[in-house]
N, C-alpha and C. Protein backbone atom coordinates (compact mmCIF):
# COMPACT_ATOMS: atom_id res chain seq x y z
N MET A 1 51.64 136.18 129.10
CA MET A 1 51.47 135.26 127.97
C MET A 1 53.15 134.71 126.88
N ILE A 2 53.68 136.25 126.49
CA ILE A 2 54.52 135.16 125.46
C ILE A 2 55.78 135.06 126.45
N ILE A 3 55.82 135.50 127.19
CA ILE A 3 56.81 134.95 128.50
C ILE A 3 56.91 133.24 128.31
N GLU A 4 56.19 133.19 128.57
CA GLU A 4 55.61 131.43 128.75
C GLU A 4 55.43 130.90 127.53
N SER A 5 55.13 131.20 126.29
CA SER A 5 55.68 130.26 125.25
C SER A 5 56.41 130.66 124.66
N LEU A 6 57.68 131.38 125.29
CA LEU A 6 59.34 131.32 124.99
C LEU A 6 59.67 130.74 125.87
N VAL A 7 59.13 130.01 126.88
CA VAL A 7 60.47 128.82 128.01
C VAL A 7 59.15 127.63 126.63
N ALA A 8 58.56 127.80 127.12
CA ALA A 8 57.69 126.20 126.34
C ALA A 8 58.59 125.91 124.97
N THR A 9 58.67 126.82 123.92
CA THR A 9 59.48 127.30 123.06
C THR A 9 60.85 126.83 123.13
N ALA A 10 61.56 127.10 123.65
CA ALA A 10 63.12 127.17 124.11
C ALA A 10 62.87 125.42 124.54
N VAL A 11 62.00 124.97 125.67
CA VAL A 11 61.83 123.51 126.26
C VAL A 11 62.04 122.80 125.30
N VAL A 12 60.77 123.14 124.63
CA VAL A 12 61.24 122.06 122.80
C VAL A 12 61.71 121.55 122.48
N PHE A 13 63.18 122.61 122.47
CA PHE A 13 63.55 122.76 121.78
C PHE A 13 65.03 122.01 121.82
N LEU A 14 65.07 122.58 122.91
CA LEU A 14 66.08 121.85 124.11
C LEU A 14 66.54 119.91 123.82
N LEU A 15 64.56 120.02 124.53
CA LEU A 15 64.09 118.83 124.59
C LEU A 15 64.71 117.61 123.00
N ILE A 16 64.81 118.21 121.59
CA ILE A 16 64.54 117.98 120.99
C ILE A 16 66.05 117.91 120.28
N VAL A 17 66.67 118.11 120.68
CA VAL A 17 68.86 118.12 121.20
C VAL A 17 68.89 116.55 121.64
N ILE A 18 68.47 116.95 122.96
CA ILE A 18 68.95 115.88 123.31
C ILE A 18 68.39 114.64 123.36
N ILE A 19 66.65 115.04 121.65
CA ILE A 19 66.64 113.45 121.96
C ILE A 19 67.89 112.65 120.40
N THR A 20 67.52 114.25 119.46
CA THR A 20 68.48 113.83 119.06
C THR A 20 70.21 112.74 119.20
N GLN A 21 70.32 113.80 120.17
CA GLN A 21 71.99 113.50 120.26
C GLN A 21 71.74 111.88 121.09
N VAL A 22 70.18 111.75 122.09
CA VAL A 22 70.41 109.95 122.13
C VAL A 22 70.48 108.95 120.89
N ALA A 23 69.59 109.41 120.14
CA ALA A 23 69.68 108.48 118.97
C ALA A 23 70.51 108.57 118.17
N PHE A 24 71.69 109.90 118.22
CA PHE A 24 72.83 109.65 117.28
C PHE A 24 73.72 108.54 118.70
N VAL A 25 73.67 108.95 119.40
CA VAL A 25 74.69 107.44 120.36
C VAL A 25 74.37 106.91 120.73
N VAL A 26 72.94 106.35 119.89
CA VAL A 26 72.88 104.37 119.69
C VAL A 26 73.16 103.66 118.99
N VAL A 27 72.80 104.58 117.70
CA VAL A 27 73.68 104.05 116.48
C VAL A 27 75.30 103.92 116.30
N ALA A 28 75.68 104.99 117.02
CA ALA A 28 77.31 105.21 116.85
C ALA A 28 78.07 104.31 117.54
N GLN A 29 76.66 103.72 118.91
CA GLN A 29 77.68 102.13 119.37
C GLN A 29 76.89 101.60 118.91
N SER A 30 76.06 100.86 117.97
CA SER A 30 75.65 100.07 118.07
C SER A 30 76.59 99.85 116.66
N THR A 31 76.98 100.89 115.16
CA THR A 31 77.59 100.87 114.65
C THR A 31 79.24 99.82 115.08
N ALA A 32 80.19 101.03 116.34
CA ALA A 32 81.60 100.74 117.00
C ALA A 32 81.36 99.13 116.84
N ARG A 33 80.35 98.57 117.50
CA ARG A 33 79.73 96.95 118.10
C ARG A 33 80.27 96.39 117.21
N THR A 34 79.33 97.10 115.99
CA THR A 34 78.88 96.19 115.04
C THR A 34 81.04 95.59 114.06
N ALA A 35 81.47 97.40 114.19
CA ALA A 35 82.31 96.63 113.61
C ALA A 35 84.38 96.80 114.80
N VAL A 36 84.07 97.04 115.48
CA VAL A 36 84.67 95.80 116.57
C VAL A 36 84.77 94.21 117.08
N SER A 37 83.91 93.71 116.29
CA SER A 37 83.46 92.29 116.29
C SER A 37 83.47 92.05 115.49
N ALA A 38 83.83 92.84 113.91
CA ALA A 38 84.06 91.64 113.60
C ALA A 38 85.41 92.16 113.14
N ALA A 39 86.36 93.51 113.04
CA ALA A 39 87.54 93.33 113.94
C ALA A 39 88.52 91.83 114.10
N ALA A 40 87.34 92.13 115.58
CA ALA A 40 88.02 90.71 116.25
C ALA A 40 88.05 89.28 115.06
N ARG A 41 87.18 89.11 114.47
CA ARG A 41 86.78 87.86 113.84
C ARG A 41 88.42 87.48 112.57
N ARG A 42 88.00 89.00 111.83
CA ARG A 42 89.76 88.68 111.11
C ARG A 42 90.68 88.74 111.80
N ALA A 43 90.60 88.68 112.59
CA ALA A 43 92.38 89.48 113.43
C ALA A 43 92.57 87.77 114.24
N GLY A 44 91.20 86.94 114.08
CA GLY A 44 91.27 85.29 114.35
C GLY A 44 91.84 84.50 113.10
N ARG A 45 91.93 85.08 112.23
CA ARG A 45 92.58 84.10 110.72
C ARG A 45 94.76 84.06 111.45
N PRO A 46 94.57 82.83 110.29
CA PRO A 46 95.70 82.78 109.95
C PRO A 46 96.24 83.49 109.69
N GLY A 47 97.99 84.13 109.92
CA GLY A 47 98.83 85.61 109.57
C GLY A 47 98.58 86.75 109.47
N SER A 48 97.29 87.46 110.13
CA SER A 48 97.19 88.57 110.96
C SER A 48 98.43 88.97 111.27
N ALA A 49 98.09 89.81 111.28
CA ALA A 49 99.77 91.28 112.54
C ALA A 49 98.28 91.27 113.02
N SER A 50 98.63 91.65 114.47
CA SER A 50 97.38 93.10 115.16
C SER A 50 98.71 94.82 115.12
N ALA A 51 99.34 94.55 114.51
CA ALA A 51 99.16 96.00 114.34
C ALA A 51 98.34 96.14 113.07
N VAL A 52 98.90 95.91 111.93
CA VAL A 52 97.70 95.72 110.15
C VAL A 52 95.81 95.85 111.06
N GLU A 53 95.62 95.63 111.73
CA GLU A 53 93.95 95.19 112.01
C GLU A 53 93.78 96.05 113.07
N GLN A 54 95.33 96.76 114.61
CA GLN A 54 94.53 98.04 114.47
C GLN A 54 94.57 98.88 113.39
N GLN A 55 95.26 99.37 112.90
CA GLN A 55 94.82 100.24 111.60
C GLN A 55 93.95 100.24 111.43
N ARG A 56 93.15 99.45 110.44
CA ARG A 56 92.69 99.10 109.58
C ARG A 56 91.14 99.71 110.99
N LEU A 57 91.17 98.52 111.96
CA LEU A 57 90.19 99.36 112.34
C LEU A 57 89.57 100.30 113.01
N ALA A 58 90.71 101.80 112.75
CA ALA A 58 90.53 102.53 113.16
C ALA A 58 90.22 103.16 112.05
N GLU A 59 90.62 102.87 111.17
CA GLU A 59 90.02 103.87 109.73
C GLU A 59 88.91 103.58 110.00
N GLU A 60 88.81 102.23 109.82
CA GLU A 60 86.50 101.54 110.13
C GLU A 60 85.51 102.18 109.91
N LEU A 61 86.62 102.58 111.37
CA LEU A 61 85.61 103.07 112.82
C LEU A 61 85.56 104.82 112.23
N GLY A 62 86.67 105.44 111.75
CA GLY A 62 86.69 107.04 111.75
C GLY A 62 84.70 107.04 110.16
N SER A 63 85.49 106.15 109.68
CA SER A 63 84.90 106.10 108.54
C SER A 63 82.78 105.22 108.07
N VAL A 64 83.23 104.87 109.79
CA VAL A 64 81.94 103.60 110.16
C VAL A 64 80.43 105.30 110.67
N VAL A 65 81.43 105.92 111.76
CA VAL A 65 80.61 105.76 113.16
C VAL A 65 80.05 107.02 113.45
N PRO A 66 79.36 107.62 113.30
CA PRO A 66 79.22 109.01 113.66
C PRO A 66 79.49 110.08 113.67
N GLY A 67 80.41 111.22 113.71
CA GLY A 67 80.91 111.69 114.69
C GLY A 67 81.85 111.30 115.72
N ALA A 68 82.92 110.62 115.56
CA ALA A 68 83.90 109.38 116.41
C ALA A 68 85.29 111.22 115.75
N SER A 69 85.41 111.31 117.07
CA SER A 69 86.65 112.09 116.98
C SER A 69 88.25 111.19 116.46
N ASP A 70 88.08 111.18 118.34
CA ASP A 70 89.55 110.70 118.73
C ASP A 70 89.36 109.02 118.99
N ILE A 71 89.44 108.70 118.31
CA ILE A 71 89.81 106.68 118.60
C ILE A 71 91.02 106.37 118.71
N VAL A 72 91.23 105.29 119.04
CA VAL A 72 92.44 104.65 119.60
C VAL A 72 91.81 103.05 120.38
N ALA A 73 91.98 102.06 118.87
CA ALA A 73 91.77 100.93 118.53
C ALA A 73 93.51 99.63 118.78
N THR A 74 92.64 99.56 119.34
CA THR A 74 93.61 98.16 119.92
C THR A 74 92.93 96.77 119.35
N VAL A 75 94.06 96.06 119.40
CA VAL A 75 94.24 94.39 118.99
C VAL A 75 94.95 93.43 119.63
N GLU A 76 94.77 92.78 120.80
CA GLU A 76 95.28 91.63 121.24
C GLU A 76 95.18 90.10 120.99
N TYR A 77 96.09 89.65 121.11
CA TYR A 77 96.13 88.10 121.13
C TYR A 77 96.67 87.51 121.75
N ASP A 78 95.65 86.46 122.80
CA ASP A 78 95.93 85.56 124.13
C ASP A 78 96.55 84.19 123.41
N GLU A 79 96.27 82.34 124.28
CA GLU A 79 96.38 81.46 124.36
C GLU A 79 94.35 80.74 123.52
N ALA A 80 93.50 82.19 124.11
CA ALA A 80 91.70 81.69 124.16
C ALA A 80 91.63 82.03 123.35
N GLY A 81 92.39 83.43 122.16
CA GLY A 81 92.09 83.90 121.06
C GLY A 81 92.16 85.23 120.70
N VAL A 82 91.10 86.53 120.20
CA VAL A 82 91.59 86.98 119.93
C VAL A 82 90.61 88.96 120.56
N ALA A 83 91.20 89.56 121.61
CA ALA A 83 90.11 90.66 121.67
C ALA A 83 91.32 92.16 121.39
N ALA A 84 89.72 92.85 120.47
CA ALA A 84 89.51 94.06 119.43
C ALA A 84 88.77 95.02 120.88
N SER A 85 89.48 96.08 120.54
CA SER A 85 88.69 97.57 121.79
C SER A 85 89.08 98.50 121.22
N ALA A 86 88.24 99.27 121.12
CA ALA A 86 87.93 100.52 120.73
C ALA A 86 87.46 101.65 121.85
N VAL A 87 88.40 103.08 122.23
CA VAL A 87 87.82 103.33 122.61
C VAL A 87 87.85 105.12 122.04
N ILE A 88 86.11 105.30 121.83
CA ILE A 88 86.04 107.02 120.79
C ILE A 88 85.48 107.72 121.72
N ARG A 89 86.58 108.56 120.90
CA ARG A 89 85.72 110.54 122.14
C ARG A 89 84.69 110.92 120.29
N TRP A 90 83.22 111.35 120.80
CA TRP A 90 82.28 111.48 120.25
C TRP A 90 81.75 112.51 120.08
N VAL A 91 81.26 112.52 119.10
CA VAL A 91 81.72 114.18 118.96
C VAL A 91 79.45 114.64 118.82
N PRO A 92 78.77 114.49 118.58
CA PRO A 92 77.05 114.60 118.56
C PRO A 92 76.59 115.72 117.62
N PRO A 93 75.71 115.78 116.95
CA PRO A 93 75.63 116.87 115.77
C PRO A 93 74.76 117.46 116.42
N GLY A 94 74.79 118.80 116.01
CA GLY A 94 74.73 119.94 117.05
C GLY A 94 75.13 120.76 118.46
N PRO A 95 75.10 120.94 119.59
CA PRO A 95 75.61 121.50 120.46
C PRO A 95 76.66 120.15 121.20
N ASP A 96 77.46 120.54 121.42
CA ASP A 96 78.27 119.63 122.36
C ASP A 96 78.21 119.72 123.72
N LEU A 97 77.25 119.25 124.40
CA LEU A 97 76.63 119.22 125.93
C LEU A 97 77.26 119.06 126.75
N ILE A 98 77.51 118.03 126.72
CA ILE A 98 78.72 116.91 127.38
C ILE A 98 79.51 115.59 126.81
N PRO A 99 80.97 116.03 127.11
CA PRO A 99 81.76 114.32 127.18
C PRO A 99 81.11 113.06 126.60
N ILE A 100 81.54 112.67 125.31
CA ILE A 100 80.87 111.37 125.81
C ILE A 100 82.18 110.65 125.77
N THR A 101 82.45 109.41 125.59
CA THR A 101 83.46 108.42 125.44
C THR A 101 82.70 107.09 125.44
N LEU A 102 82.41 106.44 124.15
CA LEU A 102 81.90 105.61 123.18
C LEU A 102 83.34 104.02 124.38
N ARG A 103 83.70 103.07 124.59
CA ARG A 103 84.26 101.96 124.96
C ARG A 103 83.35 100.80 124.76
N VAL A 104 84.37 100.10 123.26
CA VAL A 104 83.60 98.88 122.59
C VAL A 104 84.71 98.21 122.97
N THR A 105 84.01 96.95 122.96
CA THR A 105 85.68 94.76 123.45
C THR A 105 84.65 94.25 122.81
N ALA A 106 84.77 93.49 121.75
CA ALA A 106 85.52 92.31 121.75
C ALA A 106 86.02 91.43 121.33
N HIS A 107 85.36 89.81 121.72
CA HIS A 107 86.21 88.51 121.94
C HIS A 107 86.11 87.96 120.20
N ALA A 108 86.46 86.88 119.96
CA ALA A 108 86.80 86.06 118.79
C ALA A 108 87.50 85.09 118.89
N PRO A 109 87.70 83.72 118.66
CA PRO A 109 88.54 82.76 118.66
C PRO A 109 89.18 82.29 117.42
N LEU A 110 91.06 82.07 117.72
CA LEU A 110 90.90 81.94 116.58
C LEU A 110 91.37 81.37 115.66
N VAL A 111 90.85 81.24 114.54
CA VAL A 111 90.94 80.15 112.97
C VAL A 111 92.35 79.36 112.95
N VAL A 112 91.27 77.75 113.29
CA VAL A 112 93.22 76.98 113.20
C VAL A 112 92.32 76.26 111.46
N PRO A 113 93.18 76.33 111.00
CA PRO A 113 92.99 75.98 110.05
C PRO A 113 92.77 74.17 109.53
N PRO A 114 92.36 73.83 108.63
CA PRO A 114 92.47 72.23 109.08
C PRO A 114 93.48 70.93 108.59
């Protein structure tokens, strides 16, 4: 009876950890998607530089994405517009059960002054 109660308690705590980590990864993915999309729109403005926008995106992701550890941000220009992307190594709160990598990409058109 006591062993069954301990096993049930352990299973409940494990489920709580998994549900919490899933909720945090959803928040981290959504926040990263928003930040990368904003970076692509900013980079599409006249006079913006790729290196500056990459640095700004990496700093922004580090401050707004909960649990971001290794961030690789890129901003690339082509004739169709701007492509911003980020690869983030995400560390969940609590135990790090499996390695999670978030990959986010956004595209925006170049802004042409009138």
